[in-house]
N, C-alpha and C. Protein backbone atom coordinates (compact mmCIF):
# COMPACT_ATOMS: atom_id res chain seq x y z
N MET A 1 0.84 -1.17 0.00
CA MET A 1 0.00 0.00 0.00
C MET A 1 0.88 1.24 0.00
N PRO A 2 0.60 2.22 -0.85
CA PRO A 2 1.37 3.46 -0.85
C PRO A 2 1.22 4.18 0.49
N PRO A 3 2.30 4.77 1.00
CA PRO A 3 2.24 5.43 2.31
C PRO A 3 1.14 6.48 2.42
N LYS A 4 0.83 7.18 1.33
CA LYS A 4 -0.17 8.25 1.37
C LYS A 4 -1.58 7.72 1.65
N LYS A 5 -1.81 6.43 1.38
CA LYS A 5 -3.12 5.84 1.62
C LYS A 5 -3.22 5.14 2.97
N ALA A 6 -2.11 5.08 3.67
CA ALA A 6 -2.08 4.38 4.96
C ALA A 6 -2.48 5.31 6.09
N ASP A 7 -2.95 4.73 7.19
CA ASP A 7 -3.26 5.52 8.38
C ASP A 7 -1.98 5.91 9.12
N ALA A 8 -1.00 5.04 9.08
CA ALA A 8 0.28 5.28 9.74
C ALA A 8 1.36 4.46 9.04
N VAL A 9 2.60 4.82 9.28
CA VAL A 9 3.73 4.14 8.66
C VAL A 9 4.58 3.51 9.76
N VAL A 10 4.86 2.23 9.64
CA VAL A 10 5.80 1.55 10.54
C VAL A 10 7.13 1.47 9.81
N LEU A 11 8.09 2.22 10.29
CA LEU A 11 9.40 2.31 9.65
C LEU A 11 10.44 1.56 10.47
N CYS A 12 10.98 0.50 9.92
CA CYS A 12 12.00 -0.29 10.60
C CYS A 12 13.38 0.10 10.09
N LEU A 13 14.20 0.62 10.98
CA LEU A 13 15.58 0.97 10.64
C LEU A 13 16.51 0.17 11.54
N GLY A 14 17.76 0.04 11.11
CA GLY A 14 18.71 -0.66 11.97
C GLY A 14 19.80 -1.37 11.21
N GLU A 15 20.17 -2.52 11.73
CA GLU A 15 21.31 -3.24 11.17
C GLU A 15 21.03 -4.73 11.14
N LEU A 16 21.83 -5.44 10.35
CA LEU A 16 21.70 -6.89 10.28
C LEU A 16 22.25 -7.52 11.55
N SER A 17 21.83 -8.73 11.84
CA SER A 17 22.36 -9.42 13.01
C SER A 17 23.85 -9.69 12.80
N TYR A 18 24.58 -9.80 13.90
CA TYR A 18 26.02 -9.97 13.82
C TYR A 18 26.53 -10.64 15.08
N THR A 19 27.74 -11.16 15.02
CA THR A 19 28.43 -11.67 16.20
C THR A 19 29.91 -11.36 16.04
N GLU A 20 30.57 -11.20 17.15
CA GLU A 20 32.01 -11.01 17.21
C GLU A 20 32.50 -9.91 16.26
N ASN A 21 33.62 -10.15 15.55
CA ASN A 21 34.24 -9.12 14.72
C ASN A 21 33.39 -8.69 13.54
N VAL A 22 32.49 -9.53 13.11
CA VAL A 22 31.64 -9.18 11.96
C VAL A 22 30.83 -7.93 12.27
N GLY A 23 30.54 -7.70 13.53
CA GLY A 23 29.73 -6.56 13.91
C GLY A 23 30.50 -5.29 14.18
N ASN A 24 31.82 -5.32 14.06
CA ASN A 24 32.61 -4.12 14.31
C ASN A 24 32.27 -3.03 13.30
N ILE A 25 32.11 -1.81 13.78
CA ILE A 25 31.80 -0.68 12.90
C ILE A 25 32.66 0.51 13.28
N ASP A 26 32.83 1.44 12.35
CA ASP A 26 33.60 2.66 12.59
C ASP A 26 32.70 3.89 12.66
N ASP A 27 31.41 3.71 12.41
CA ASP A 27 30.51 4.85 12.33
C ASP A 27 29.17 4.48 12.97
N LEU A 28 28.70 5.29 13.91
CA LEU A 28 27.42 5.02 14.56
C LEU A 28 26.22 5.42 13.70
N ASN A 29 26.46 6.19 12.66
CA ASN A 29 25.36 6.59 11.78
C ASN A 29 24.83 5.39 11.00
N LEU A 30 23.52 5.38 10.79
CA LEU A 30 22.94 4.36 9.93
C LEU A 30 23.26 4.69 8.48
N PRO A 31 23.17 3.73 7.56
CA PRO A 31 23.45 4.01 6.15
C PRO A 31 22.58 5.16 5.63
N PRO A 32 23.14 6.01 4.76
CA PRO A 32 22.38 7.16 4.22
C PRO A 32 21.05 6.77 3.60
N ALA A 33 20.98 5.60 2.95
CA ALA A 33 19.73 5.19 2.28
C ALA A 33 18.60 5.04 3.31
N GLN A 34 18.91 4.55 4.51
CA GLN A 34 17.88 4.41 5.53
C GLN A 34 17.38 5.77 6.01
N MET A 35 18.29 6.71 6.18
CA MET A 35 17.89 8.04 6.63
C MET A 35 17.11 8.78 5.54
N GLN A 36 17.46 8.55 4.30
CA GLN A 36 16.72 9.15 3.19
C GLN A 36 15.30 8.59 3.13
N LEU A 37 15.16 7.30 3.37
CA LEU A 37 13.83 6.69 3.41
C LEU A 37 13.00 7.29 4.54
N ALA A 38 13.61 7.47 5.70
CA ALA A 38 12.91 8.06 6.85
C ALA A 38 12.43 9.47 6.52
N ALA A 39 13.29 10.26 5.88
CA ALA A 39 12.92 11.63 5.54
C ALA A 39 11.78 11.66 4.52
N ALA A 40 11.83 10.74 3.54
CA ALA A 40 10.78 10.70 2.51
C ALA A 40 9.44 10.29 3.12
N LEU A 41 9.45 9.33 4.03
CA LEU A 41 8.20 8.89 4.65
C LEU A 41 7.63 9.97 5.57
N ALA A 42 8.49 10.74 6.21
CA ALA A 42 8.02 11.82 7.08
C ALA A 42 7.29 12.88 6.26
N LYS A 43 7.71 13.07 5.02
CA LYS A 43 7.10 14.09 4.15
C LYS A 43 5.68 13.71 3.73
N THR A 44 5.29 12.46 3.90
CA THR A 44 3.92 12.07 3.53
C THR A 44 2.89 12.67 4.48
N GLY A 45 3.33 13.11 5.65
CA GLY A 45 2.42 13.67 6.63
C GLY A 45 1.73 12.63 7.50
N LYS A 46 1.99 11.36 7.24
CA LYS A 46 1.41 10.29 8.04
C LYS A 46 2.22 10.08 9.31
N PRO A 47 1.58 9.67 10.41
CA PRO A 47 2.35 9.37 11.62
C PRO A 47 3.33 8.23 11.36
N VAL A 48 4.57 8.43 11.74
CA VAL A 48 5.61 7.42 11.54
C VAL A 48 5.95 6.78 12.88
N ILE A 49 5.85 5.46 12.93
CA ILE A 49 6.26 4.70 14.11
C ILE A 49 7.63 4.12 13.79
N LEU A 50 8.64 4.62 14.47
CA LEU A 50 10.02 4.21 14.21
C LEU A 50 10.36 2.98 15.04
N VAL A 51 10.75 1.91 14.37
CA VAL A 51 11.16 0.67 15.04
C VAL A 51 12.65 0.48 14.79
N LEU A 52 13.41 0.37 15.87
CA LEU A 52 14.85 0.23 15.77
C LEU A 52 15.25 -1.22 15.99
N ALA A 53 15.73 -1.85 14.93
CA ALA A 53 16.21 -3.24 14.99
C ALA A 53 17.73 -3.18 15.00
N GLU A 54 18.30 -3.18 16.19
CA GLU A 54 19.74 -2.99 16.32
C GLU A 54 20.21 -3.57 17.64
N GLY A 55 21.47 -3.94 17.68
CA GLY A 55 22.01 -4.52 18.90
C GLY A 55 22.77 -3.53 19.75
N ARG A 56 22.79 -2.28 19.32
CA ARG A 56 23.51 -1.22 20.04
C ARG A 56 22.94 0.11 19.59
N PRO A 57 23.19 1.18 20.29
CA PRO A 57 22.64 2.47 19.86
C PRO A 57 23.31 2.97 18.59
N ARG A 58 22.54 3.23 17.58
CA ARG A 58 23.01 3.87 16.35
C ARG A 58 22.38 5.25 16.28
N THR A 59 23.00 6.16 15.58
CA THR A 59 22.52 7.54 15.54
C THR A 59 21.27 7.63 14.67
N VAL A 60 20.14 7.98 15.29
CA VAL A 60 18.85 8.05 14.57
C VAL A 60 18.12 9.35 14.90
N THR A 61 18.85 10.37 15.34
CA THR A 61 18.24 11.60 15.83
C THR A 61 17.31 12.24 14.80
N ASP A 62 17.74 12.33 13.55
CA ASP A 62 16.91 12.97 12.52
C ASP A 62 15.61 12.20 12.30
N ALA A 63 15.69 10.88 12.21
CA ALA A 63 14.50 10.07 12.00
C ALA A 63 13.60 10.10 13.23
N GLU A 64 14.19 10.05 14.41
CA GLU A 64 13.41 10.05 15.65
C GLU A 64 12.64 11.36 15.83
N SER A 65 13.24 12.47 15.42
CA SER A 65 12.60 13.77 15.59
C SER A 65 11.37 13.94 14.71
N GLN A 66 11.26 13.10 13.68
CA GLN A 66 10.12 13.18 12.76
C GLN A 66 9.13 12.04 12.97
N SER A 67 9.30 11.30 14.06
CA SER A 67 8.46 10.14 14.33
C SER A 67 7.47 10.43 15.45
N ALA A 68 6.30 9.80 15.36
CA ALA A 68 5.28 9.95 16.40
C ALA A 68 5.58 9.05 17.59
N ALA A 69 6.30 7.97 17.36
CA ALA A 69 6.64 7.02 18.42
C ALA A 69 7.89 6.26 18.02
N THR A 70 8.63 5.78 19.01
CA THR A 70 9.84 5.00 18.76
C THR A 70 9.82 3.75 19.61
N LEU A 71 10.16 2.62 19.01
CA LEU A 71 10.19 1.35 19.72
C LEU A 71 11.54 0.69 19.48
N MET A 72 12.24 0.36 20.57
CA MET A 72 13.53 -0.33 20.48
C MET A 72 13.27 -1.82 20.45
N MET A 73 13.59 -2.45 19.31
CA MET A 73 13.29 -3.87 19.13
C MET A 73 14.52 -4.75 19.36
N TYR A 74 15.70 -4.14 19.35
CA TYR A 74 16.96 -4.87 19.42
C TYR A 74 17.04 -5.86 18.25
N LEU A 75 17.80 -6.93 18.41
CA LEU A 75 17.88 -7.99 17.39
C LEU A 75 17.00 -9.13 17.90
N ALA A 76 15.73 -9.10 17.53
CA ALA A 76 14.72 -9.91 18.22
C ALA A 76 14.61 -11.35 17.75
N GLY A 77 15.28 -11.75 16.70
CA GLY A 77 15.21 -13.15 16.28
C GLY A 77 13.97 -13.47 15.48
N ASN A 78 13.73 -14.77 15.28
CA ASN A 78 12.67 -15.23 14.37
C ASN A 78 11.27 -14.82 14.80
N GLU A 79 11.02 -14.72 16.10
CA GLU A 79 9.69 -14.38 16.59
C GLU A 79 9.53 -12.89 16.85
N GLY A 80 10.53 -12.11 16.47
CA GLY A 80 10.48 -10.68 16.73
C GLY A 80 9.33 -9.99 16.03
N GLY A 81 9.00 -10.42 14.82
CA GLY A 81 7.91 -9.81 14.09
C GLY A 81 6.57 -9.97 14.79
N ASP A 82 6.32 -11.17 15.34
CA ASP A 82 5.08 -11.40 16.08
C ASP A 82 5.03 -10.55 17.36
N ALA A 83 6.17 -10.46 18.05
CA ALA A 83 6.23 -9.66 19.27
C ALA A 83 5.98 -8.19 18.96
N LEU A 84 6.57 -7.71 17.88
CA LEU A 84 6.38 -6.33 17.46
C LEU A 84 4.92 -6.05 17.14
N ALA A 85 4.29 -6.94 16.39
CA ALA A 85 2.88 -6.77 16.03
C ALA A 85 2.00 -6.73 17.28
N ASN A 86 2.30 -7.58 18.26
CA ASN A 86 1.52 -7.60 19.50
C ASN A 86 1.60 -6.26 20.23
N ILE A 87 2.78 -5.65 20.22
CA ILE A 87 2.95 -4.36 20.89
C ILE A 87 2.26 -3.25 20.10
N LEU A 88 2.45 -3.23 18.80
CA LEU A 88 1.88 -2.15 17.98
C LEU A 88 0.35 -2.17 17.99
N PHE A 89 -0.24 -3.35 18.06
CA PHE A 89 -1.70 -3.45 18.05
C PHE A 89 -2.30 -3.47 19.46
N GLY A 90 -1.45 -3.34 20.47
CA GLY A 90 -1.95 -3.24 21.84
C GLY A 90 -2.27 -4.56 22.50
N ASP A 91 -1.88 -5.67 21.88
CA ASP A 91 -2.13 -6.97 22.51
C ASP A 91 -1.13 -7.26 23.61
N ALA A 92 -0.01 -6.58 23.59
CA ALA A 92 1.00 -6.70 24.65
C ALA A 92 1.40 -5.30 25.06
N ASN A 93 1.70 -5.14 26.33
CA ASN A 93 2.07 -3.83 26.87
C ASN A 93 3.57 -3.80 27.10
N PRO A 94 4.31 -2.91 26.43
CA PRO A 94 5.77 -2.88 26.61
C PRO A 94 6.14 -2.47 28.02
N SER A 95 7.23 -3.04 28.53
CA SER A 95 7.67 -2.71 29.89
C SER A 95 9.19 -2.62 29.99
N GLY A 96 9.89 -2.68 28.88
CA GLY A 96 11.35 -2.67 28.91
C GLY A 96 11.93 -1.30 29.23
N LYS A 97 13.16 -1.30 29.73
CA LYS A 97 13.91 -0.08 30.02
C LYS A 97 15.26 -0.15 29.33
N LEU A 98 15.73 0.99 28.84
CA LEU A 98 17.03 1.00 28.15
C LEU A 98 18.16 0.63 29.11
N PRO A 99 19.02 -0.31 28.71
CA PRO A 99 20.15 -0.67 29.57
C PRO A 99 21.39 0.18 29.29
N PHE A 100 21.22 1.25 28.54
CA PHE A 100 22.33 2.16 28.23
C PHE A 100 21.76 3.54 27.95
N THR A 101 22.64 4.52 27.88
CA THR A 101 22.24 5.87 27.51
C THR A 101 22.37 5.98 25.99
N TYR A 102 21.27 6.39 25.34
CA TYR A 102 21.24 6.44 23.87
C TYR A 102 21.74 7.80 23.40
N PRO A 103 22.84 7.86 22.64
CA PRO A 103 23.41 9.15 22.26
C PRO A 103 22.58 9.88 21.21
N ARG A 104 22.63 11.20 21.30
CA ARG A 104 21.94 12.04 20.31
C ARG A 104 22.80 12.20 19.06
N TYR A 105 24.12 12.22 19.24
CA TYR A 105 25.05 12.42 18.13
C TYR A 105 26.19 11.40 18.24
N PRO A 106 26.89 11.11 17.14
CA PRO A 106 27.96 10.10 17.20
C PRO A 106 29.07 10.46 18.18
N ASN A 107 29.33 11.75 18.36
CA ASN A 107 30.41 12.15 19.25
C ASN A 107 29.90 12.53 20.64
N ALA A 108 28.70 12.08 20.98
CA ALA A 108 28.10 12.43 22.27
C ALA A 108 27.93 11.20 23.14
N LEU A 109 28.87 10.27 23.07
CA LEU A 109 28.81 9.08 23.91
C LEU A 109 29.13 9.46 25.35
N VAL A 110 28.45 8.85 26.28
CA VAL A 110 28.61 9.18 27.69
C VAL A 110 29.35 8.06 28.39
N ASN A 111 30.48 8.38 29.00
CA ASN A 111 31.23 7.38 29.75
C ASN A 111 30.49 7.00 31.02
N TYR A 112 30.72 5.80 31.48
CA TYR A 112 30.01 5.32 32.67
C TYR A 112 30.39 6.14 33.90
N TYR A 113 31.54 6.81 33.88
CA TYR A 113 31.97 7.57 35.05
C TYR A 113 31.62 9.06 34.94
N ARG A 114 30.73 9.42 34.06
CA ARG A 114 30.32 10.82 33.93
C ARG A 114 29.69 11.30 35.24
N LYS A 115 30.06 12.50 35.63
CA LYS A 115 29.53 13.08 36.87
C LYS A 115 28.64 14.27 36.51
N ASN A 116 27.70 14.58 37.39
CA ASN A 116 26.82 15.72 37.15
C ASN A 116 27.59 17.01 36.97
N LEU A 117 28.76 17.13 37.62
CA LEU A 117 29.58 18.33 37.48
C LEU A 117 30.03 18.55 36.04
N GLU A 118 30.05 17.49 35.24
CA GLU A 118 30.54 17.58 33.87
C GLU A 118 29.44 17.92 32.87
N ASN A 119 28.26 18.24 33.37
CA ASN A 119 27.16 18.55 32.46
C ASN A 119 27.37 19.86 31.73
N GLY A 120 28.19 20.76 32.25
CA GLY A 120 28.39 22.04 31.62
C GLY A 120 27.36 23.06 32.09
N ASN A 121 27.47 24.25 31.61
CA ASN A 121 26.54 25.31 31.97
C ASN A 121 25.21 25.11 31.28
N SER A 122 24.18 25.81 31.76
CA SER A 122 22.85 25.69 31.16
C SER A 122 22.85 26.15 29.71
N ASP A 123 23.80 27.00 29.33
CA ASP A 123 23.87 27.48 27.95
C ASP A 123 24.90 26.73 27.12
N ASP A 124 25.39 25.63 27.67
CA ASP A 124 26.40 24.82 26.98
C ASP A 124 25.71 23.88 26.00
N LYS A 125 25.84 24.15 24.71
CA LYS A 125 25.18 23.33 23.69
C LYS A 125 25.80 21.95 23.55
N HIS A 126 26.98 21.78 24.13
CA HIS A 126 27.66 20.49 24.00
C HIS A 126 27.72 19.74 25.33
N GLY A 127 26.81 20.06 26.22
CA GLY A 127 26.75 19.37 27.50
C GLY A 127 26.03 18.03 27.38
N TYR A 128 25.62 17.52 28.52
CA TYR A 128 24.94 16.21 28.57
C TYR A 128 23.54 16.33 27.99
N SER A 129 23.33 15.74 26.83
CA SER A 129 22.02 15.83 26.17
C SER A 129 21.76 14.57 25.35
N PRO A 130 21.52 13.43 26.03
CA PRO A 130 21.29 12.19 25.29
C PRO A 130 19.93 12.19 24.60
N LEU A 131 19.78 11.34 23.61
CA LEU A 131 18.48 11.18 22.97
C LEU A 131 17.52 10.51 23.95
N TYR A 132 17.99 9.45 24.62
CA TYR A 132 17.24 8.78 25.68
C TYR A 132 18.20 8.44 26.80
N GLU A 133 17.78 8.65 28.04
CA GLU A 133 18.64 8.36 29.17
C GLU A 133 18.57 6.88 29.56
N PHE A 134 19.60 6.44 30.27
CA PHE A 134 19.62 5.09 30.82
C PHE A 134 18.34 4.85 31.62
N GLY A 135 17.70 3.71 31.40
CA GLY A 135 16.50 3.36 32.16
C GLY A 135 15.22 3.92 31.58
N TYR A 136 15.29 4.60 30.44
CA TYR A 136 14.07 5.18 29.85
C TYR A 136 13.21 4.09 29.23
N GLY A 137 11.91 4.23 29.32
CA GLY A 137 10.99 3.28 28.71
C GLY A 137 9.56 3.65 29.04
N LEU A 138 8.67 3.53 28.07
CA LEU A 138 7.27 3.91 28.24
C LEU A 138 6.37 2.68 28.24
N SER A 139 5.12 2.90 28.61
CA SER A 139 4.13 1.83 28.71
C SER A 139 2.79 2.38 28.24
N TYR A 140 1.84 1.49 27.99
CA TYR A 140 0.48 1.92 27.65
C TYR A 140 -0.34 2.25 28.90
N THR A 141 0.27 2.11 30.06
CA THR A 141 -0.42 2.46 31.30
C THR A 141 0.53 3.30 32.15
N THR A 142 0.11 3.68 33.33
CA THR A 142 0.93 4.50 34.22
C THR A 142 1.05 3.83 35.58
N PHE A 143 2.09 4.20 36.31
CA PHE A 143 2.35 3.60 37.62
C PHE A 143 2.73 4.69 38.61
N SER A 144 2.48 4.40 39.87
CA SER A 144 2.93 5.30 40.93
C SER A 144 3.71 4.50 41.95
N TYR A 145 4.64 5.19 42.62
CA TYR A 145 5.47 4.58 43.67
C TYR A 145 5.13 5.22 45.01
N SER A 146 5.13 4.44 46.06
CA SER A 146 4.88 4.98 47.40
C SER A 146 5.51 4.07 48.44
N ASN A 147 5.59 4.58 49.66
CA ASN A 147 6.07 3.81 50.82
C ASN A 147 7.45 3.20 50.61
N LEU A 148 8.37 4.00 50.11
CA LEU A 148 9.75 3.54 49.99
C LEU A 148 10.33 3.33 51.38
N HIS A 149 10.92 2.15 51.60
CA HIS A 149 11.44 1.83 52.93
C HIS A 149 12.78 1.12 52.82
N LEU A 150 13.74 1.56 53.64
CA LEU A 150 15.05 0.92 53.74
C LEU A 150 15.12 0.17 55.06
N SER A 151 15.66 -1.03 55.03
CA SER A 151 15.74 -1.82 56.27
C SER A 151 16.74 -1.24 57.25
N LYS A 152 17.70 -0.47 56.76
CA LYS A 152 18.71 0.15 57.63
C LYS A 152 19.06 1.52 57.05
N HIS A 153 19.41 2.42 57.95
CA HIS A 153 19.87 3.74 57.51
C HIS A 153 21.38 3.79 57.43
N ASP A 154 22.03 2.95 58.20
CA ASP A 154 23.50 2.85 58.17
C ASP A 154 23.87 1.42 57.83
N LEU A 155 24.77 1.25 56.91
CA LEU A 155 25.14 -0.08 56.45
C LEU A 155 26.63 -0.30 56.68
N ARG A 156 26.95 -1.40 57.33
CA ARG A 156 28.34 -1.73 57.59
C ARG A 156 28.79 -2.84 56.63
N GLU A 157 30.07 -3.07 56.63
CA GLU A 157 30.65 -4.07 55.73
C GLU A 157 30.00 -5.44 55.94
N ASN A 158 29.67 -6.10 54.84
CA ASN A 158 29.06 -7.43 54.81
C ASN A 158 27.62 -7.47 55.29
N GLU A 159 27.00 -6.31 55.56
CA GLU A 159 25.60 -6.28 55.92
C GLU A 159 24.74 -6.17 54.67
N THR A 160 23.48 -6.55 54.81
CA THR A 160 22.55 -6.55 53.68
C THR A 160 21.51 -5.46 53.87
N LEU A 161 21.23 -4.76 52.80
CA LEU A 161 20.20 -3.72 52.80
C LEU A 161 19.00 -4.22 52.01
N THR A 162 17.81 -4.15 52.59
CA THR A 162 16.58 -4.53 51.91
C THR A 162 15.78 -3.26 51.62
N VAL A 163 15.41 -3.11 50.35
CA VAL A 163 14.64 -1.94 49.92
C VAL A 163 13.27 -2.43 49.45
N THR A 164 12.20 -1.82 49.99
CA THR A 164 10.85 -2.18 49.54
C THR A 164 10.12 -0.92 49.11
N VAL A 165 9.20 -1.08 48.18
CA VAL A 165 8.40 0.03 47.69
C VAL A 165 7.09 -0.53 47.14
N ASP A 166 6.02 0.21 47.29
CA ASP A 166 4.73 -0.18 46.72
C ASP A 166 4.60 0.42 45.33
N VAL A 167 4.28 -0.42 44.36
CA VAL A 167 4.09 0.02 42.98
C VAL A 167 2.63 -0.23 42.61
N LYS A 168 1.94 0.81 42.17
CA LYS A 168 0.53 0.70 41.83
C LYS A 168 0.28 1.08 40.38
N ASN A 169 -0.49 0.23 39.69
CA ASN A 169 -0.90 0.55 38.33
C ASN A 169 -2.05 1.56 38.42
N THR A 170 -1.79 2.78 37.97
CA THR A 170 -2.80 3.84 38.06
C THR A 170 -3.52 4.08 36.73
N GLY A 171 -3.24 3.24 35.74
CA GLY A 171 -3.87 3.40 34.43
C GLY A 171 -5.05 2.47 34.24
N GLN A 172 -5.47 2.36 32.98
CA GLN A 172 -6.65 1.58 32.63
C GLN A 172 -6.30 0.21 32.05
N ARG A 173 -5.02 -0.09 31.92
CA ARG A 173 -4.61 -1.36 31.31
C ARG A 173 -3.64 -2.09 32.21
N GLY A 174 -3.64 -3.42 32.06
CA GLY A 174 -2.68 -4.23 32.80
C GLY A 174 -1.28 -3.98 32.25
N GLY A 175 -0.30 -4.10 33.09
CA GLY A 175 1.07 -3.89 32.64
C GLY A 175 2.07 -4.30 33.70
N LYS A 176 3.33 -4.30 33.30
CA LYS A 176 4.43 -4.62 34.21
C LYS A 176 5.33 -3.40 34.35
N ARG A 177 6.00 -3.32 35.47
CA ARG A 177 6.89 -2.19 35.72
C ARG A 177 8.23 -2.68 36.19
N VAL A 178 9.28 -2.23 35.56
CA VAL A 178 10.64 -2.54 35.98
C VAL A 178 11.09 -1.43 36.91
N GLY A 179 11.30 -1.75 38.17
CA GLY A 179 11.75 -0.74 39.13
C GLY A 179 13.26 -0.66 39.13
N LEU A 180 13.80 0.52 38.92
CA LEU A 180 15.25 0.72 38.89
C LEU A 180 15.72 1.19 40.26
N ALA A 181 16.69 0.51 40.82
CA ALA A 181 17.29 0.91 42.09
C ALA A 181 18.73 1.31 41.83
N LEU A 182 19.00 2.60 41.84
CA LEU A 182 20.33 3.12 41.56
C LEU A 182 20.93 3.67 42.84
N TYR A 183 22.21 3.51 43.00
CA TYR A 183 22.86 4.03 44.19
C TYR A 183 24.17 4.68 43.82
N GLN A 184 24.68 5.49 44.70
CA GLN A 184 25.95 6.18 44.50
C GLN A 184 26.77 6.05 45.76
N SER A 185 28.02 5.68 45.62
CA SER A 185 28.89 5.53 46.76
C SER A 185 29.32 6.91 47.28
N ALA A 186 29.27 7.07 48.58
CA ALA A 186 29.71 8.33 49.18
C ALA A 186 31.21 8.34 49.41
N ILE A 187 31.87 7.21 49.12
CA ILE A 187 33.30 7.09 49.33
C ILE A 187 34.01 7.25 48.00
N CYS A 188 34.99 8.13 47.95
CA CYS A 188 35.75 8.35 46.72
C CYS A 188 36.57 7.11 46.41
N GLN A 189 36.51 6.65 45.17
CA GLN A 189 37.28 5.48 44.76
C GLN A 189 38.15 5.85 43.57
N TYR A 190 39.19 5.05 43.34
CA TYR A 190 40.01 5.27 42.17
C TYR A 190 39.18 5.02 40.92
N ASN A 191 39.36 5.87 39.95
CA ASN A 191 38.67 5.71 38.68
C ASN A 191 39.58 4.98 37.72
N ALA A 192 39.02 4.04 36.96
CA ALA A 192 39.82 3.27 35.99
C ALA A 192 40.54 4.19 35.01
N ARG A 193 39.96 5.34 34.78
CA ARG A 193 40.54 6.29 33.83
C ARG A 193 41.90 6.79 34.29
N PHE A 194 42.10 6.83 35.63
CA PHE A 194 43.33 7.40 36.17
C PHE A 194 44.25 6.37 36.81
N GLN A 195 43.91 5.11 36.73
CA GLN A 195 44.72 4.10 37.37
C GLN A 195 46.14 4.04 36.80
N ALA A 196 46.28 4.41 35.54
CA ALA A 196 47.60 4.36 34.91
C ALA A 196 48.57 5.34 35.55
N PHE A 197 48.06 6.32 36.27
CA PHE A 197 48.92 7.32 36.88
C PHE A 197 49.19 7.02 38.35
N ALA A 198 48.93 5.79 38.77
CA ALA A 198 49.07 5.43 40.19
C ALA A 198 50.50 5.64 40.68
N GLY A 199 51.47 5.53 39.77
CA GLY A 199 52.88 5.66 40.18
C GLY A 199 53.33 7.10 40.35
N LEU A 200 52.52 8.06 39.97
CA LEU A 200 52.94 9.46 40.08
C LEU A 200 52.78 10.00 41.48
């Protein structure tokens, strides 16, 4: 069916499956032909649902900015098409969260040891500005958190901390929620980046 006659366009961009050295690349950008296709479909005026079939973050900022929705499919295997259809038609409710920070530009990769101090000034155009942050993910329903409780306020070596929280589905549809528990050490540690200078 020609895109102009469709209610919406499902645009799948990405890369072929790979393993080991076969998957090595020198450029995070997708092939120009894929980006040209994305631009042409956006010009139809139809809502574009961008599906990313890739095993790592590739630069898709231009296509994403012209899309009504984006779905990260990864390299889903033989049954990936059925799973995708179930999500797009509402038969399944997505609940995944990104396990990495998705860069906006090829040279905007964020190291795991990035600190808030390195974000730059509010007028810094080259500061921390990912396309999607670590842990980002949407659902067809909504959730609320309450009654966060820690089993201990002070933790000593070899002790266990138990964290509990109530999660409530506040929407109209059934769904699952991945709760992210992030922590930061208050103790300064050597950074792998500077270990080579230990002898100085």
